[in-house]
């Protein structure tokens, strides 16, 4: 019987570095990490709020979960194979709120939770999505962190891994070597230069990435200039909101 490679799910609050990690993983010769899927969060209703109705079909919850797994794995595996890859990963930040369901559908999956200082996350939200998004991130960031860590505490060490954005950008090779050891994949130097690989990303992403590198005055794919940006760029109101809603999480993670 052939053992299929374990699925990888990359989660974390938006603007925490999940896209960067997606491209790092996608640069590995064995791993395909395509665009966000998001729809597993919708399928979660099948065995959740919709279960009373759907149970009338006579199939068990396990049967529904199994069929969801076959469907989703089929799409991802075919996509990976089309790119000459053996293993698939899915980077969808939203799945931080659905990890209990996802780990039931894929009981052997590995979860990589990307964590970044919530104050810098708020700054990045404003730059990417506007001021209102920056304000709402004050509530969203601790919610995503708490939800992912709650499930992570229940998983064995070989299935849940926390990756700090600050560690990646300040010491990329050592930090990513540790990640790939967790994933059970050989180290490849090429992942550090993910921008030299071909990825399925919109042109607007490429333009934005170039603009950010230009602003940081660097040509490197991984750079640390945005670490601590909140000290210079976080407005007083958002700073207060991040503290009110996220101070305990900041303290728990060692950011304050």
C-alpha atoms as a PDB file:
ATOM      1  CA  UNK A   1       0.000   0.000   0.000  1.00  0.00           C
ATOM      2  CA  UNK A   2       1.410   3.403  -1.033  1.00  0.00           C
ATOM      3  CA  UNK A   3       1.603   6.060   1.684  1.00  0.00           C
ATOM      4  CA  UNK A   4       0.652   9.471   0.316  1.00  0.00           C
ATOM      5  CA  UNK A   5       2.675  12.540   1.422  1.00  0.00           C
ATOM      6  CA  UNK A   6       1.101  14.392   4.322  1.00  0.00           C
ATOM      7  CA  UNK A   7      -0.864  17.534   3.439  1.00  0.00           C
ATOM      8  CA  UNK A   8       0.453  20.844   4.754  1.00  0.00           C
ATOM      9  CA  UNK A   9      -1.798  23.698   5.864  1.00  0.00           C
ATOM     10  CA  UNK A  10      -0.334  27.170   6.375  1.00  0.00           C
ATOM     11  CA  UNK A  11      -2.503  29.393   8.571  1.00  0.00           C
ATOM     12  CA  UNK A  12      -2.225  32.666  10.460  1.00  0.00           C
ATOM     13  CA  UNK A  13      -3.769  36.110  10.570  1.00  0.00           C
ATOM     14  CA  UNK A  14      -3.593  37.892   7.237  1.00  0.00           C
ATOM     15  CA  UNK A  15      -0.485  40.083   6.747  1.00  0.00           C
ATOM     16  CA  UNK A  16       1.600  37.844   8.995  1.00  0.00           C
ATOM     17  CA  UNK A  17       3.878  36.522   6.268  1.00  0.00           C
ATOM     18  CA  UNK A  18       1.764  33.589   5.120  1.00  0.00           C
ATOM     19  CA  UNK A  19       2.129  34.551   1.441  1.00  0.00           C
ATOM     20  CA  UNK A  20       5.890  34.736   1.781  1.00  0.00           C
ATOM     21  CA  UNK A  21       5.891  31.265   3.338  1.00  0.00           C
ATOM     22  CA  UNK A  22       3.570  29.988   0.611  1.00  0.00           C
ATOM     23  CA  UNK A  23       6.123  31.018  -2.014  1.00  0.00           C
ATOM     24  CA  UNK A  24       9.002  29.556   0.005  1.00  0.00           C
ATOM     25  CA  UNK A  25       7.231  26.191   0.164  1.00  0.00           C
ATOM     26  CA  UNK A  26       6.204  26.397  -3.477  1.00  0.00           C
ATOM     27  CA  UNK A  27       9.872  26.895  -4.415  1.00  0.00           C
ATOM     28  CA  UNK A  28      10.766  23.465  -3.024  1.00  0.00           C
ATOM     29  CA  UNK A  29      11.133  20.732  -5.628  1.00  0.00           C
ATOM     30  CA  UNK A  30       8.736  18.412  -3.790  1.00  0.00           C
ATOM     31  CA  UNK A  31       6.028  20.839  -2.583  1.00  0.00           C
ATOM     32  CA  UNK A  32       3.257  22.605  -4.470  1.00  0.00           C
ATOM     33  CA  UNK A  33       1.529  25.473  -2.673  1.00  0.00           C
ATOM     34  CA  UNK A  34      -0.997  27.130  -4.945  1.00  0.00           C
ATOM     35  CA  UNK A  35      -3.533  29.928  -4.515  1.00  0.00           C
ATOM     36  CA  UNK A  36      -5.785  30.103  -1.457  1.00  0.00           C
ATOM     37  CA  UNK A  37      -8.761  27.757  -1.575  1.00  0.00           C
ATOM     38  CA  UNK A  38     -10.883  29.075   1.340  1.00  0.00           C
ATOM     39  CA  UNK A  39     -13.865  26.825   0.636  1.00  0.00           C
ATOM     40  CA  UNK A  40     -13.070  24.221   3.294  1.00  0.00           C
ATOM     41  CA  UNK A  41     -14.471  26.745   5.753  1.00  0.00           C
ATOM     42  CA  UNK A  42     -17.792  26.522   3.879  1.00  0.00           C
ATOM     43  CA  UNK A  43     -17.709  22.719   3.745  1.00  0.00           C
ATOM     44  CA  UNK A  44     -17.266  22.714   7.526  1.00  0.00           C
ATOM     45  CA  UNK A  45     -20.990  23.422   7.799  1.00  0.00           C
ATOM     46  CA  UNK A  46     -21.724  19.962   6.383  1.00  0.00           C
ATOM     47  CA  UNK A  47     -20.750  18.302   9.631  1.00  0.00           C
ATOM     48  CA  UNK A  48     -21.581  21.332  11.759  1.00  0.00           C
ATOM     49  CA  UNK A  49     -24.659  23.542  11.554  1.00  0.00           C
ATOM     50  CA  UNK A  50     -26.080  21.587   8.581  1.00  0.00           C
ATOM     51  CA  UNK A  51     -25.586  18.178  10.142  1.00  0.00           C
ATOM     52  CA  UNK A  52     -29.136  17.688  11.470  1.00  0.00           C
ATOM     53  CA  UNK A  53     -30.495  18.008   7.943  1.00  0.00           C
ATOM     54  CA  UNK A  54     -27.738  16.169   6.109  1.00  0.00           C
ATOM     55  CA  UNK A  55     -27.713  13.274   8.578  1.00  0.00           C
ATOM     56  CA  UNK A  56     -31.045  12.249   7.063  1.00  0.00           C
ATOM     57  CA  UNK A  57     -29.119  10.907   4.066  1.00  0.00           C
ATOM     58  CA  UNK A  58     -28.031   8.080   6.337  1.00  0.00           C
ATOM     59  CA  UNK A  59     -24.276   8.569   5.968  1.00  0.00           C
ATOM     60  CA  UNK A  60     -22.128   9.011   9.053  1.00  0.00           C
ATOM     61  CA  UNK A  61     -20.093  12.132   9.741  1.00  0.00           C
ATOM     62  CA  UNK A  62     -16.976  10.071   9.060  1.00  0.00           C
ATOM     63  CA  UNK A  63     -18.307   9.245   5.577  1.00  0.00           C
ATOM     64  CA  UNK A  64     -18.911  12.910   4.804  1.00  0.00           C
ATOM     65  CA  UNK A  65     -15.429  13.818   6.060  1.00  0.00           C
ATOM     66  CA  UNK A  66     -13.871  11.021   4.012  1.00  0.00           C
ATOM     67  CA  UNK A  67     -15.582  12.176   0.828  1.00  0.00           C
ATOM     68  CA  UNK A  68     -14.562  15.790   1.439  1.00  0.00           C
ATOM     69  CA  UNK A  69     -10.961  14.608   1.901  1.00  0.00           C
ATOM     70  CA  UNK A  70     -11.000  12.598  -1.337  1.00  0.00           C
ATOM     71  CA  UNK A  71     -12.469  15.535  -3.260  1.00  0.00           C
ATOM     72  CA  UNK A  72     -10.064  18.153  -1.894  1.00  0.00           C
ATOM     73  CA  UNK A  73      -6.992  15.936  -2.018  1.00  0.00           C
ATOM     74  CA  UNK A  74      -7.806  15.016  -5.619  1.00  0.00           C
ATOM     75  CA  UNK A  75      -7.786  18.654  -6.701  1.00  0.00           C
ATOM     76  CA  UNK A  76      -4.598  19.489  -4.838  1.00  0.00           C
ATOM     77  CA  UNK A  77      -2.767  16.310  -5.871  1.00  0.00           C
ATOM     78  CA  UNK A  78      -3.633  16.774  -9.547  1.00  0.00           C
ATOM     79  CA  UNK A  79      -2.494  20.401  -9.371  1.00  0.00           C
ATOM     80  CA  UNK A  80       0.780  19.362  -7.715  1.00  0.00           C
ATOM     81  CA  UNK A  81       1.375  16.609 -10.281  1.00  0.00           C
ATOM     82  CA  UNK A  82       0.793  19.054 -13.135  1.00  0.00           C
ATOM     83  CA  UNK A  83       3.699  21.063 -11.749  1.00  0.00           C
ATOM     84  CA  UNK A  84       5.947  18.059 -11.241  1.00  0.00           C
ATOM     85  CA  UNK A  85       5.531  18.064  -7.468  1.00  0.00           C
ATOM     86  CA  UNK A  86       4.873  15.156  -5.098  1.00  0.00           C
ATOM     87  CA  UNK A  87       3.266  16.913  -2.136  1.00  0.00           C
ATOM     88  CA  UNK A  88       0.716  19.659  -1.704  1.00  0.00           C
ATOM     89  CA  UNK A  89       0.327  22.521   0.735  1.00  0.00           C
ATOM     90  CA  UNK A  90      -2.547  24.961   1.153  1.00  0.00           C
ATOM     91  CA  UNK A  91      -1.971  28.504   2.387  1.00  0.00           C
ATOM     92  CA  UNK A  92      -5.296  29.925   3.524  1.00  0.00           C
ATOM     93  CA  UNK A  93      -5.079  32.231   6.573  1.00  0.00           C
ATOM     94  CA  UNK A  94      -8.820  31.833   7.183  1.00  0.00           C
ATOM     95  CA  UNK A  95      -8.317  28.152   8.034  1.00  0.00           C
ATOM     96  CA  UNK A  96      -6.865  29.239  11.382  1.00  0.00           C
ATOM     97  CA  UNK A  97     -10.524  29.388  12.446  1.00  0.00           C
ATOM     98  CA  UNK A  98     -11.338  25.936  11.022  1.00  0.00           C
ATOM     99  CA  UNK A  99      -8.404  23.821  12.182  1.00  0.00           C
ATOM    100  CA  UNK A 100     -10.512  21.468  14.276  1.00  0.00           C
ATOM    101  CA  UNK A 101     -12.486  20.542  11.165  1.00  0.00           C
ATOM    102  CA  UNK A 102      -9.429  20.407   8.893  1.00  0.00           C
ATOM    103  CA  UNK A 103      -7.515  18.114  11.242  1.00  0.00           C
ATOM    104  CA  UNK A 104     -10.529  15.781  11.281  1.00  0.00           C
ATOM    105  CA  UNK A 105     -10.713  15.718   7.484  1.00  0.00           C
ATOM    106  CA  UNK A 106      -6.947  15.199   7.203  1.00  0.00           C
ATOM    107  CA  UNK A 107      -5.909  13.407  10.397  1.00  0.00           C
ATOM    108  CA  UNK A 108      -2.281  13.149   9.257  1.00  0.00           C
ATOM    109  CA  UNK A 109      -1.861  16.745   8.026  1.00  0.00           C
ATOM    110  CA  UNK A 110       0.829  19.094   9.265  1.00  0.00           C
ATOM    111  CA  UNK A 111      -0.128  22.627  10.305  1.00  0.00           C
ATOM    112  CA  UNK A 112       2.264  25.572  10.085  1.00  0.00           C
ATOM    113  CA  UNK A 113       1.000  28.561  12.063  1.00  0.00           C
ATOM    114  CA  UNK A 114       2.714  31.815  11.049  1.00  0.00           C
ATOM    115  CA  UNK A 115       2.784  34.388  13.859  1.00  0.00           C
ATOM    116  CA  UNK A 116       3.741  38.054  13.617  1.00  0.00           C
ATOM    117  CA  UNK A 117       3.608  40.969  16.070  1.00  0.00           C
ATOM    118  CA  UNK A 118      -0.008  42.159  16.000  1.00  0.00           C
ATOM    119  CA  UNK A 119       1.056  45.795  15.927  1.00  0.00           C
ATOM    120  CA  UNK A 120       3.031  45.285  12.721  1.00  0.00           C
ATOM    121  CA  UNK A 121       0.099  43.264  11.375  1.00  0.00           C
ATOM    122  CA  UNK A 122      -2.137  46.309  11.887  1.00  0.00           C
ATOM    123  CA  UNK A 123       0.322  48.525   9.984  1.00  0.00           C
ATOM    124  CA  UNK A 124       0.459  46.020   7.122  1.00  0.00           C
ATOM    125  CA  UNK A 125      -3.354  45.825   7.004  1.00  0.00           C
ATOM    126  CA  UNK A 126      -3.556  49.586   6.565  1.00  0.00           C
ATOM    127  CA  UNK A 127      -0.985  49.616   3.773  1.00  0.00           C
ATOM    128  CA  UNK A 128      -2.636  46.733   1.911  1.00  0.00           C
ATOM    129  CA  UNK A 129      -6.356  47.124   2.632  1.00  0.00           C
ATOM    130  CA  UNK A 130      -6.893  50.580   4.146  1.00  0.00           C
ATOM    131  CA  UNK A 131      -7.462  52.164   7.530  1.00  0.00           C
ATOM    132  CA  UNK A 132     -10.690  50.372   8.402  1.00  0.00           C
ATOM    133  CA  UNK A 133      -8.973  47.002   7.912  1.00  0.00           C
ATOM    134  CA  UNK A 134      -6.164  48.127  10.192  1.00  0.00           C
ATOM    135  CA  UNK A 135      -8.663  48.949  12.931  1.00  0.00           C
ATOM    136  CA  UNK A 136     -10.538  45.641  12.638  1.00  0.00           C
ATOM    137  CA  UNK A 137      -7.258  43.710  12.684  1.00  0.00           C
ATOM    138  CA  UNK A 138      -6.934  44.664  16.340  1.00  0.00           C
ATOM    139  CA  UNK A 139      -9.774  42.222  17.055  1.00  0.00           C
ATOM    140  CA  UNK A 140      -9.013  39.728  14.303  1.00  0.00           C
ATOM    141  CA  UNK A 141      -5.339  39.136  15.164  1.00  0.00           C
ATOM    142  CA  UNK A 142      -5.799  37.766  18.717  1.00  0.00           C
ATOM    143  CA  UNK A 143      -8.821  35.762  17.552  1.00  0.00           C
ATOM    144  CA  UNK A 144      -6.833  33.979  14.846  1.00  0.00           C
ATOM    145  CA  UNK A 145      -3.896  33.380  17.188  1.00  0.00           C
ATOM    146  CA  UNK A 146      -6.090  31.921  19.932  1.00  0.00           C
ATOM    147  CA  UNK A 147      -8.086  29.693  17.576  1.00  0.00           C
ATOM    148  CA  UNK A 148      -5.025  28.149  15.927  1.00  0.00           C
ATOM    149  CA  UNK A 149      -3.111  27.667  19.175  1.00  0.00           C
ATOM    150  CA  UNK A 150      -6.113  26.045  20.852  1.00  0.00           C
ATOM    151  CA  UNK A 151      -6.137  23.280  18.249  1.00  0.00           C
ATOM    152  CA  UNK A 152      -2.345  23.194  18.099  1.00  0.00           C
ATOM    153  CA  UNK A 153      -2.121  22.312  21.783  1.00  0.00           C
ATOM    154  CA  UNK A 154      -4.120  19.169  21.089  1.00  0.00           C
ATOM    155  CA  UNK A 155      -1.933  17.993  18.208  1.00  0.00           C
ATOM    156  CA  UNK A 156       1.292  15.988  18.569  1.00  0.00           C
ATOM    157  CA  UNK A 157       4.603  17.826  17.973  1.00  0.00           C
ATOM    158  CA  UNK A 158       4.999  16.362  14.489  1.00  0.00           C
ATOM    159  CA  UNK A 159       1.738  17.929  13.312  1.00  0.00           C
ATOM    160  CA  UNK A 160       1.746  21.522  14.590  1.00  0.00           C
ATOM    161  CA  UNK A 161       4.529  24.081  14.140  1.00  0.00           C
ATOM    162  CA  UNK A 162       4.652  27.753  15.044  1.00  0.00           C
ATOM    163  CA  UNK A 163       6.806  29.934  12.798  1.00  0.00           C
ATOM    164  CA  UNK A 164       7.631  33.499  13.795  1.00  0.00           C
ATOM    165  CA  UNK A 165       7.730  35.992  10.957  1.00  0.00           C
ATOM    166  CA  UNK A 166      10.445  37.925  12.766  1.00  0.00           C
ATOM    167  CA  UNK A 167      12.659  34.828  12.906  1.00  0.00           C
ATOM    168  CA  UNK A 168      12.242  34.148   9.196  1.00  0.00           C
ATOM    169  CA  UNK A 169      13.224  37.633   8.090  1.00  0.00           C
ATOM    170  CA  UNK A 170      16.105  38.017  10.569  1.00  0.00           C
ATOM    171  CA  UNK A 171      17.621  34.537  10.235  1.00  0.00           C
ATOM    172  CA  UNK A 172      16.015  32.983   7.188  1.00  0.00           C
ATOM    173  CA  UNK A 173      18.206  29.962   6.538  1.00  0.00           C
ATOM    174  CA  UNK A 174      18.367  28.635  10.095  1.00  0.00           C
ATOM    175  CA  UNK A 175      14.648  29.251  10.687  1.00  0.00           C
ATOM    176  CA  UNK A 176      13.546  27.650   7.423  1.00  0.00           C
ATOM    177  CA  UNK A 177      15.905  24.709   7.817  1.00  0.00           C
ATOM    178  CA  UNK A 178      14.125  23.968  11.084  1.00  0.00           C
ATOM    179  CA  UNK A 179      10.749  24.209   9.342  1.00  0.00           C
ATOM    180  CA  UNK A 180      11.725  21.790   6.585  1.00  0.00           C
ATOM    181  CA  UNK A 181      13.043  19.349   9.201  1.00  0.00           C
ATOM    182  CA  UNK A 182       9.597  19.478  10.797  1.00  0.00           C
ATOM    183  CA  UNK A 183       8.014  18.818   7.403  1.00  0.00           C
ATOM    184  CA  UNK A 184      10.397  15.929   6.786  1.00  0.00           C
ATOM    185  CA  UNK A 185      11.705  17.471   3.573  1.00  0.00           C
ATOM    186  CA  UNK A 186      15.344  17.906   2.522  1.00  0.00           C
ATOM    187  CA  UNK A 187      16.810  21.385   2.629  1.00  0.00           C
ATOM    188  CA  UNK A 188      17.095  23.239  -0.677  1.00  0.00           C
ATOM    189  CA  UNK A 189      18.961  26.542  -0.927  1.00  0.00           C
ATOM    190  CA  UNK A 190      16.640  27.684  -3.685  1.00  0.00           C
ATOM    191  CA  UNK A 191      13.757  28.323  -1.295  1.00  0.00           C
ATOM    192  CA  UNK A 192      15.595  31.389   0.005  1.00  0.00           C
ATOM    193  CA  UNK A 193      15.317  32.975  -3.456  1.00  0.00           C
ATOM    194  CA  UNK A 194      11.646  32.171  -3.995  1.00  0.00           C
ATOM    195  CA  UNK A 195      11.263  35.208  -6.237  1.00  0.00           C
ATOM    196  CA  UNK A 196      13.367  33.452  -8.884  1.00  0.00           C
ATOM    197  CA  UNK A 197      10.850  30.612  -9.190  1.00  0.00           C
ATOM    198  CA  UNK A 198       7.596  30.505 -11.131  1.00  0.00           C
ATOM    199  CA  UNK A 199       4.435  30.685  -9.018  1.00  0.00           C
ATOM    200  CA  UNK A 200       0.753  30.976  -9.801  1.00  0.00           C
ATOM    201  CA  UNK A 201       0.209  34.470  -8.418  1.00  0.00           C
ATOM    202  CA  UNK A 202      -1.669  37.468  -9.874  1.00  0.00           C
ATOM    203  CA  UNK A 203       0.331  40.149 -11.624  1.00  0.00           C
ATOM    204  CA  UNK A 204      -0.814  42.637  -8.983  1.00  0.00           C
ATOM    205  CA  UNK A 205       1.057  40.589  -6.380  1.00  0.00           C
ATOM    206  CA  UNK A 206       4.277  40.789  -8.383  1.00  0.00           C
ATOM    207  CA  UNK A 207       3.836  44.540  -8.718  1.00  0.00           C
ATOM    208  CA  UNK A 208       3.161  44.935  -5.004  1.00  0.00           C
ATOM    209  CA  UNK A 209       6.174  42.797  -4.083  1.00  0.00           C
ATOM    210  CA  UNK A 210       8.401  44.922  -6.310  1.00  0.00           C
ATOM    211  CA  UNK A 211       6.993  48.093  -4.770  1.00  0.00           C
ATOM    212  CA  UNK A 212       7.664  46.824  -1.234  1.00  0.00           C
ATOM    213  CA  UNK A 213      11.227  45.804  -2.085  1.00  0.00           C
ATOM    214  CA  UNK A 214      11.832  49.164  -3.688  1.00  0.00           C
ATOM    215  CA  UNK A 215      10.507  50.909  -0.590  1.00  0.00           C
ATOM    216  CA  UNK A 216      12.786  48.788   1.574  1.00  0.00           C
ATOM    217  CA  UNK A 217      15.701  49.543  -0.765  1.00  0.00           C
ATOM    218  CA  UNK A 218      16.551  45.902  -1.247  1.00  0.00           C
ATOM    219  CA  UNK A 219      16.488  43.288  -3.977  1.00  0.00           C
ATOM    220  CA  UNK A 220      16.376  40.382  -1.525  1.00  0.00           C
ATOM    221  CA  UNK A 221      13.319  38.126  -1.434  1.00  0.00           C
ATOM    222  CA  UNK A 222      13.390  37.986   2.378  1.00  0.00           C
ATOM    223  CA  UNK A 223      14.144  41.154   4.327  1.00  0.00           C
ATOM    224  CA  UNK A 224      13.484  42.537   7.817  1.00  0.00           C
ATOM    225  CA  UNK A 225      12.824  46.233   7.262  1.00  0.00           C
ATOM    226  CA  UNK A 226       9.151  46.032   8.298  1.00  0.00           C
ATOM    227  CA  UNK A 227       9.852  44.487  11.713  1.00  0.00           C
ATOM    228  CA  UNK A 228       8.906  47.044  14.358  1.00  0.00           C
ATOM    229  CA  UNK A 229       7.235  49.330  11.816  1.00  0.00           C
ATOM    230  CA  UNK A 230       4.462  50.002  14.343  1.00  0.00           C
ATOM    231  CA  UNK A 231       6.862  52.234  16.288  1.00  0.00           C
ATOM    232  CA  UNK A 232       6.960  54.636  13.353  1.00  0.00           C
ATOM    233  CA  UNK A 233       3.690  54.065  11.541  1.00  0.00           C
ATOM    234  CA  UNK A 234       0.919  52.918  13.874  1.00  0.00           C
ATOM    235  CA  UNK A 235      -1.552  55.720  14.557  1.00  0.00           C
ATOM    236  CA  UNK A 236      -2.637  56.435  18.172  1.00  0.00           C
ATOM    237  CA  UNK A 237      -6.195  55.068  17.854  1.00  0.00           C
ATOM    238  CA  UNK A 238      -5.174  51.741  16.307  1.00  0.00           C
ATOM    239  CA  UNK A 239      -2.315  51.459  18.795  1.00  0.00           C
ATOM    240  CA  UNK A 240      -4.817  51.746  21.653  1.00  0.00           C
ATOM    241  CA  UNK A 241      -7.206  49.240  20.062  1.00  0.00           C
ATOM    242  CA  UNK A 242      -4.440  46.683  19.512  1.00  0.00           C
ATOM    243  CA  UNK A 243      -3.453  47.063  23.143  1.00  0.00           C
ATOM    244  CA  UNK A 244      -7.040  46.803  24.457  1.00  0.00           C
ATOM    245  CA  UNK A 245      -7.919  43.681  22.468  1.00  0.00           C
ATOM    246  CA  UNK A 246      -4.512  42.087  22.087  1.00  0.00           C
ATOM    247  CA  UNK A 247      -2.290  43.013  25.019  1.00  0.00           C
ATOM    248  CA  UNK A 248      -2.630  39.605  26.684  1.00  0.00           C
ATOM    249  CA  UNK A 249      -1.765  37.873  23.400  1.00  0.00           C
ATOM    250  CA  UNK A 250       1.175  40.206  22.825  1.00  0.00           C
ATOM    251  CA  UNK A 251       2.437  39.409  26.306  1.00  0.00           C
ATOM    252  CA  UNK A 252       1.855  35.671  25.889  1.00  0.00           C
ATOM    253  CA  UNK A 253       3.889  35.663  22.679  1.00  0.00           C
ATOM    254  CA  UNK A 254       6.666  37.828  24.128  1.00  0.00           C
ATOM    255  CA  UNK A 255       5.972  40.882  22.002  1.00  0.00           C
ATOM    256  CA  UNK A 256       5.506  43.283  24.927  1.00  0.00           C
END
